[in-house]
Amino acid sequence: PPPPPAKPAARQFVVYFDWDRSDLTAEARSVVTQAANYAKSGAPTRVLIVGYTDTSGSPAYNLGLSNRRSRTVADALVAQGVNGGVIALDGKGETNLAKPTADGVREPLNRRATIDINF
């Protein structure tokens, strides 16, 4: 018999947020749709969503905001048909900055959530 079809490669998508917001912008919704379609192209074993913030705001506030961001992305993926049973969430607050800055800096590249899809 022919070999089974190759599994899709693991892939990361990045969703960006407005300052102090956890709702999805039009651009973010587009990225979530791309991620959902990619996840549905196979049978993902894990979809890890990690939220992050910039360094404006307190560390405790930012941890909560990062968790809200990951939850928003997860809810949007499930609404588009991704199996919620394979989704894991995390929030890193103002750690693991995409663009290192001093404390108290509003940096758009740090206001994000990553979506890692593994098959």
Protein backbone atom coordinates (compact mmCIF):
# COMPACT_ATOMS: atom_id res chain seq x y z
CA PRO A 1 0.00 0.00 0.00
CA PRO A 2 1.14 3.59 -0.52
CA PRO A 3 2.65 5.36 2.48
CA PRO A 4 0.27 7.49 4.51
CA PRO A 5 0.15 11.15 3.51
CA ALA A 6 2.73 13.31 5.21
CA LYS A 7 1.53 15.25 8.22
CA PRO A 8 1.52 19.03 7.82
CA ALA A 9 4.59 20.70 9.29
CA ALA A 10 4.37 22.42 12.67
CA ARG A 11 3.78 26.13 12.17
CA GLN A 12 3.54 29.30 14.23
CA PHE A 13 1.18 32.21 13.66
CA VAL A 14 1.45 35.54 15.49
CA VAL A 15 -1.54 37.73 16.34
CA TYR A 16 -0.95 41.37 17.37
CA PHE A 17 -3.14 43.45 19.68
CA ASP A 18 -3.82 47.12 20.24
CA TRP A 19 -2.47 48.71 23.43
CA ASP A 20 -4.21 47.44 26.58
CA ARG A 21 -6.71 45.43 24.51
CA SER A 22 -7.49 41.74 24.21
CA ASP A 23 -10.07 41.96 21.41
CA LEU A 24 -9.08 41.00 17.87
CA THR A 25 -8.41 43.66 15.25
CA ALA A 26 -9.42 42.98 11.63
CA GLU A 27 -5.81 42.01 10.88
CA ALA A 28 -5.69 39.71 13.92
CA ARG A 29 -8.94 38.02 12.84
CA SER A 30 -7.37 37.37 9.44
CA VAL A 31 -4.35 35.68 11.07
CA VAL A 32 -6.63 33.59 13.31
CA THR A 33 -8.57 32.47 10.22
CA GLN A 34 -5.31 31.45 8.51
CA ALA A 35 -4.29 29.52 11.64
CA ALA A 36 -7.70 27.83 11.90
CA ASN A 37 -7.58 26.76 8.26
CA TYR A 38 -4.06 25.41 8.72
CA ALA A 39 -5.06 23.50 11.86
CA LYS A 40 -8.03 22.00 10.03
CA SER A 41 -5.77 20.85 7.16
CA GLY A 42 -4.72 17.92 9.34
CA ALA A 43 -5.38 16.54 12.80
CA PRO A 44 -3.36 18.72 15.19
CA THR A 45 -2.21 17.02 18.37
CA ARG A 46 -1.61 20.32 20.14
CA VAL A 47 -2.35 23.98 19.54
CA LEU A 48 -0.47 26.11 22.06
CA ILE A 49 -1.55 29.73 22.39
CA VAL A 50 0.66 32.03 24.46
CA GLY A 51 -0.27 35.63 25.19
CA TYR A 52 2.23 38.43 25.82
CA THR A 53 2.19 42.15 26.59
CA ASP A 54 4.50 45.11 26.33
CA THR A 55 6.09 46.57 29.47
CA SER A 56 3.59 49.38 30.06
CA GLY A 57 1.45 48.54 33.08
CA SER A 58 2.29 46.50 36.16
CA PRO A 59 3.59 42.93 35.84
CA ALA A 60 0.48 41.58 37.60
CA TYR A 61 -1.89 43.50 35.31
CA ASN A 62 0.06 42.40 32.25
CA LEU A 63 -0.08 38.75 33.28
CA GLY A 64 -3.87 38.97 33.37
CA LEU A 65 -3.97 40.80 30.04
CA SER A 66 -1.74 38.17 28.41
CA ASN A 67 -4.09 35.43 29.65
CA ARG A 68 -7.10 37.30 28.25
CA ARG A 69 -5.33 37.58 24.90
CA SER A 70 -4.64 33.85 24.71
CA ARG A 71 -8.25 33.07 25.68
CA THR A 72 -9.61 35.43 22.99
CA VAL A 73 -7.51 33.69 20.33
CA ALA A 74 -8.53 30.23 21.57
CA ASP A 75 -12.22 31.14 21.51
CA ALA A 76 -11.86 32.48 17.96
CA LEU A 77 -10.12 29.28 16.79
CA VAL A 78 -12.82 27.08 18.33
CA ALA A 79 -15.52 29.25 16.73
CA GLN A 80 -13.86 28.49 13.39
CA GLY A 81 -13.95 24.74 13.95
CA VAL A 82 -10.63 23.94 15.62
CA ASN A 83 -10.93 21.14 18.20
CA GLY A 84 -10.84 22.83 21.60
CA GLY A 85 -9.60 19.60 23.17
CA VAL A 86 -6.13 20.07 21.67
CA ILE A 87 -5.78 23.74 22.64
CA ALA A 88 -3.50 24.71 25.53
CA LEU A 89 -3.26 28.27 26.86
CA ASP A 90 -0.54 30.24 28.60
CA GLY A 91 0.12 33.86 29.42
CA LYS A 92 3.62 35.25 29.87
CA GLY A 93 2.78 38.88 30.65
CA GLU A 94 5.68 41.20 29.91
CA THR A 95 8.30 38.42 29.75
CA ASN A 96 9.86 36.96 26.59
CA LEU A 97 9.63 40.28 24.75
CA ALA A 98 9.73 40.03 20.95
CA LYS A 99 11.46 43.43 20.95
CA PRO A 100 13.40 44.13 24.17
CA THR A 101 12.50 47.45 25.78
CA ALA A 102 12.87 49.21 29.09
CA ASP A 103 10.02 48.99 31.60
CA GLY A 104 7.00 51.17 30.83
CA VAL A 105 7.42 51.16 27.03
CA ARG A 106 4.46 50.73 24.69
CA GLU A 107 5.83 48.43 21.98
CA PRO A 108 3.38 47.04 19.39
CA LEU A 109 5.56 44.01 18.56
CA ASN A 110 5.34 42.83 22.18
CA ARG A 111 1.53 42.96 22.30
CA ARG A 112 0.91 39.57 20.78
CA ALA A 113 -0.23 36.00 21.06
CA THR A 114 1.55 33.12 19.36
CA ILE A 115 -0.32 30.13 17.97
CA ASP A 116 1.85 27.02 17.66
CA ILE A 117 0.16 24.22 15.72
CA ASN A 118 1.69 20.75 16.00
CA PHE A 119 0.56 17.62 14.16
